[in-house]
Amino acid sequence: MAKRVYFCFHYQDVIDFRANVVRNHWVTKDREAAGFFDASLWEEAARKEKSALKRLINSGLENTTATCVLIGSSTYARPWVRYEIFKSLKRGNKVFGVHVNGIPDKHGQTKNLGPNPFLSLGVTYDSRGSSLTMWEVKSGQWLQYTEIDGTSVVQTTEVAQAMWNKGFNLAHFYPSYLWNRDDGYKNFASWVG
C-alpha cells in the first residue's frame, strides 16, 4: 500500500530540478509500485511569516508516515528543513535522506555530495530514557533546538537502556541514500518502507 511521504528540501534543488526528479519519479509508475503519495509543500510556503509557515508545515505533515529529506549542497543549513526533520521525529515518522547532487540539473551538471543534515542535528536521552532533548549545530556549537512547541524536550517511549543518558546525532537513526548509486528510481518504495 502506498504511503504518504513528506519531502523536505532546499528550494534551490527544486529550481535546479534535482528535487523534482525524486519527487516526480512516480509519474512513470503505478502509485502502488512507486510506494508513495507526495504530501510536501511547494511554492505556497515561499513567503509566509514564521508562525504561518510552522502551521503550514505541521499541516503538510498530517497523515504522513515518512519524511524524505532531499539532500543538496545547502540543505543541512536550512532552518525550515531542520524544523521539518525534528517535527517528523516528534511525530514518529520514518525519516531518511536522499542525496540529490548526483542528479544532473537543468544544465546537465552534477555536484559533489552536500553535507548530511542528520550530522548537524542530534538528541540526548535522559537518565531513564523517558525523554529526549533535541540539539542542532550552530556556529560550530551544539545548542538546544527549541523551535518545536517552544521546548527542546520530547517525551519518549520504550528507549533501549543502552541509550539512556547518552547523545546521538540523527545519522545514528536515519539512513541516507544516493539517488543514482543506490538506484532510487527502483528502490525508493523500499526506503519508504
Protein backbone atom coordinates (compact mmCIF):
# COMPACT_ATOMS: atom_id res chain seq x y z
CA MET A 1 0.00 0.00 0.00
CA ALA A 2 1.35 3.43 -0.95
CA LYS A 3 2.32 5.68 1.96
CA ARG A 4 2.09 9.44 2.29
CA VAL A 5 5.59 10.90 2.22
CA TYR A 6 6.54 14.41 3.20
CA PHE A 7 9.55 15.74 1.27
CA CYS A 8 11.75 18.46 2.73
CA PHE A 9 14.40 20.20 0.69
CA HIS A 10 16.23 23.41 -0.04
CA TYR A 11 14.22 25.25 -2.68
CA GLN A 12 17.36 25.74 -4.83
CA ASP A 13 17.22 22.00 -5.54
CA VAL A 14 13.72 22.47 -6.97
CA ILE A 15 14.93 25.35 -9.16
CA ASP A 16 17.80 23.14 -10.39
CA PHE A 17 15.32 20.24 -11.00
CA ARG A 18 17.20 17.76 -8.78
CA ALA A 19 14.43 17.56 -6.18
CA ASN A 20 11.85 17.24 -8.95
CA VAL A 21 13.46 14.05 -10.26
CA VAL A 22 12.92 12.30 -6.93
CA ARG A 23 9.52 13.78 -6.13
CA ASN A 24 8.10 13.09 -9.59
CA HIS A 25 9.63 9.69 -10.35
CA TRP A 26 6.25 8.07 -9.64
CA VAL A 27 4.82 9.62 -12.84
CA THR A 28 6.12 6.71 -14.92
CA LYS A 29 4.91 4.12 -12.40
CA ASP A 30 1.72 2.85 -10.86
CA ARG A 31 1.18 4.62 -7.50
CA GLU A 32 1.39 1.34 -5.60
CA ALA A 33 4.66 0.44 -7.37
CA ALA A 34 6.05 3.89 -6.58
CA GLY A 35 5.12 3.31 -2.93
CA PHE A 36 4.19 6.87 -2.01
CA PHE A 37 1.97 9.91 -2.34
CA ASP A 38 3.73 13.28 -2.11
CA ALA A 39 2.45 15.32 0.85
CA SER A 40 5.07 18.07 0.86
CA LEU A 41 4.78 21.77 0.25
CA TRP A 42 5.80 23.69 -2.83
CA GLU A 43 5.68 27.36 -3.69
CA GLU A 44 2.88 28.08 -1.23
CA ALA A 45 5.44 28.20 1.59
CA ALA A 46 7.79 30.68 -0.03
CA ARG A 47 6.82 33.95 1.65
CA LYS A 48 4.99 33.28 4.88
CA GLU A 49 5.74 34.58 8.36
CA LYS A 50 7.28 32.19 10.88
CA SER A 51 4.13 31.10 12.73
CA ALA A 52 2.16 30.70 9.49
CA LEU A 53 4.95 28.64 7.96
CA LYS A 54 5.07 26.37 11.03
CA ARG A 55 1.30 25.81 10.74
CA LEU A 56 1.69 25.08 7.02
CA ILE A 57 4.47 22.54 7.66
CA ASN A 58 2.54 20.94 10.53
CA SER A 59 -0.50 20.63 8.27
CA GLY A 60 1.63 19.16 5.46
CA LEU A 61 2.98 16.51 7.83
CA GLU A 62 -0.50 15.41 8.93
CA ASN A 63 -1.39 11.89 7.82
CA THR A 64 2.17 11.16 6.67
CA THR A 65 4.17 8.16 7.82
CA ALA A 66 7.55 9.00 6.28
CA THR A 67 9.69 12.07 5.71
CA CYS A 68 12.26 12.12 2.92
CA VAL A 69 14.99 14.77 3.23
CA LEU A 70 16.34 15.63 -0.22
CA ILE A 71 19.98 16.46 0.49
CA GLY A 72 21.64 19.04 -1.73
CA SER A 73 24.59 21.37 -1.16
CA SER A 74 22.97 23.62 1.48
CA THR A 75 20.09 21.54 2.81
CA TYR A 76 21.85 20.92 6.14
CA ALA A 77 21.86 24.65 6.98
CA ARG A 78 18.24 25.46 6.10
CA PRO A 79 16.28 26.33 9.27
CA TRP A 80 12.96 25.05 7.92
CA VAL A 81 14.48 21.72 6.90
CA ARG A 82 15.71 21.37 10.49
CA TYR A 83 12.20 22.16 11.73
CA GLU A 84 10.67 19.59 9.36
CA ILE A 85 13.14 16.90 10.47
CA PHE A 86 12.57 17.46 14.19
CA LYS A 87 8.80 17.76 13.74
CA SER A 88 8.91 14.43 11.87
CA LEU A 89 10.94 12.90 14.72
CA LYS A 90 8.36 14.11 17.23
CA ARG A 91 5.51 12.71 15.09
CA GLY A 92 7.22 9.32 14.84
CA ASN A 93 7.61 9.40 11.06
CA LYS A 94 10.17 7.17 9.43
CA VAL A 95 12.87 9.61 8.31
CA PHE A 96 15.53 9.08 5.65
CA GLY A 97 17.69 11.18 3.36
CA VAL A 98 18.32 11.04 -0.37
CA HIS A 99 21.38 12.81 -1.77
CA VAL A 100 20.36 14.61 -4.97
CA ASN A 101 23.61 16.29 -6.09
CA GLY A 102 24.46 13.32 -8.33
CA ILE A 103 21.32 14.01 -10.36
CA PRO A 104 22.08 16.25 -13.37
CA ASP A 105 20.49 19.70 -13.02
CA LYS A 106 18.62 21.55 -15.78
CA HIS A 107 22.01 22.25 -17.45
CA GLY A 108 23.18 18.62 -17.18
CA GLN A 109 25.64 19.41 -14.35
CA THR A 110 26.17 17.39 -11.18
CA LYS A 111 27.77 18.48 -7.89
CA ASN A 112 29.72 16.89 -5.06
CA LEU A 113 27.58 15.49 -2.26
CA GLY A 114 26.22 18.04 0.16
CA PRO A 115 26.69 17.72 3.93
CA ASN A 116 24.30 15.30 5.61
CA PRO A 117 21.85 17.34 7.75
CA PHE A 118 21.47 14.38 10.13
CA LEU A 119 25.05 15.02 11.29
CA SER A 120 24.13 18.59 12.33
CA LEU A 121 21.12 17.51 14.41
CA GLY A 122 21.05 15.26 17.44
CA VAL A 123 19.31 14.07 20.57
CA THR A 124 20.31 13.24 24.13
CA TYR A 125 18.25 10.90 26.28
CA ASP A 126 17.65 11.49 29.97
CA SER A 127 18.86 9.09 32.65
CA ARG A 128 15.67 6.97 32.43
CA GLY A 129 15.12 7.14 28.67
CA SER A 130 11.73 8.79 29.23
CA SER A 131 12.54 11.99 27.33
CA LEU A 132 14.96 13.29 24.77
CA THR A 133 16.41 16.74 24.18
CA MET A 134 16.83 17.97 20.60
CA TRP A 135 20.09 19.67 19.57
CA GLU A 136 21.43 21.45 16.49
CA VAL A 137 24.87 22.62 15.45
CA LYS A 138 25.06 26.40 15.04
CA SER A 139 28.34 28.24 14.51
CA GLY A 140 30.20 25.06 15.41
CA GLN A 141 28.41 24.56 18.77
CA TRP A 142 25.68 22.16 19.83
CA LEU A 143 22.69 24.21 21.05
CA GLN A 144 19.27 23.08 22.24
CA TYR A 145 16.66 23.20 19.49
CA THR A 146 13.51 24.90 20.82
CA GLU A 147 11.51 25.65 17.66
CA ILE A 148 9.15 22.69 18.20
CA ASP A 149 6.43 23.92 20.56
CA GLY A 150 8.91 26.22 22.36
CA THR A 151 10.80 23.40 24.06
CA SER A 152 13.71 21.15 23.21
CA VAL A 153 12.36 18.21 25.27
CA VAL A 154 10.17 15.45 23.82
CA GLN A 155 8.67 12.58 25.84
CA THR A 156 9.70 9.14 24.57
CA THR A 157 8.54 5.57 24.99
CA GLU A 158 10.48 2.31 25.03
CA VAL A 159 14.02 3.55 24.52
CA ALA A 160 16.68 0.86 24.95
CA GLN A 161 18.51 1.21 28.25
CA ALA A 162 21.81 1.35 26.35
CA MET A 163 20.71 4.77 25.04
CA TRP A 164 19.84 6.28 28.42
CA ASN A 165 21.96 9.25 29.44
CA LYS A 166 23.66 9.35 26.01
CA GLY A 167 23.60 11.52 22.93
CA PHE A 168 23.48 10.68 19.23
CA ASN A 169 23.43 12.64 16.02
CA LEU A 170 20.41 11.78 13.88
CA ALA A 171 22.59 9.93 11.35
CA HIS A 172 22.70 7.18 14.01
CA PHE A 173 18.97 6.61 13.45
CA TYR A 174 18.22 7.87 9.95
CA PRO A 175 19.80 6.36 6.82
CA SER A 176 20.83 8.32 3.74
CA TYR A 177 20.91 7.06 0.19
CA LEU A 178 22.42 8.32 -3.06
CA TRP A 179 19.70 8.56 -5.71
CA ASN A 180 21.93 7.41 -8.57
CA ARG A 181 24.29 4.93 -6.88
CA ASP A 182 21.54 3.28 -4.82
CA ASP A 183 19.08 3.19 -7.76
CA GLY A 184 16.45 5.40 -6.16
CA TYR A 185 14.08 5.02 -9.11
CA LYS A 186 13.84 1.30 -8.39
CA ASN A 187 14.36 1.29 -4.60
CA PHE A 188 12.51 4.37 -3.30
CA ALA A 189 9.42 2.37 -2.27
CA SER A 190 11.58 0.10 -0.08
CA TRP A 191 13.22 3.16 1.52
CA VAL A 192 9.78 4.48 2.41
CA GLY A 193 9.07 1.09 3.99
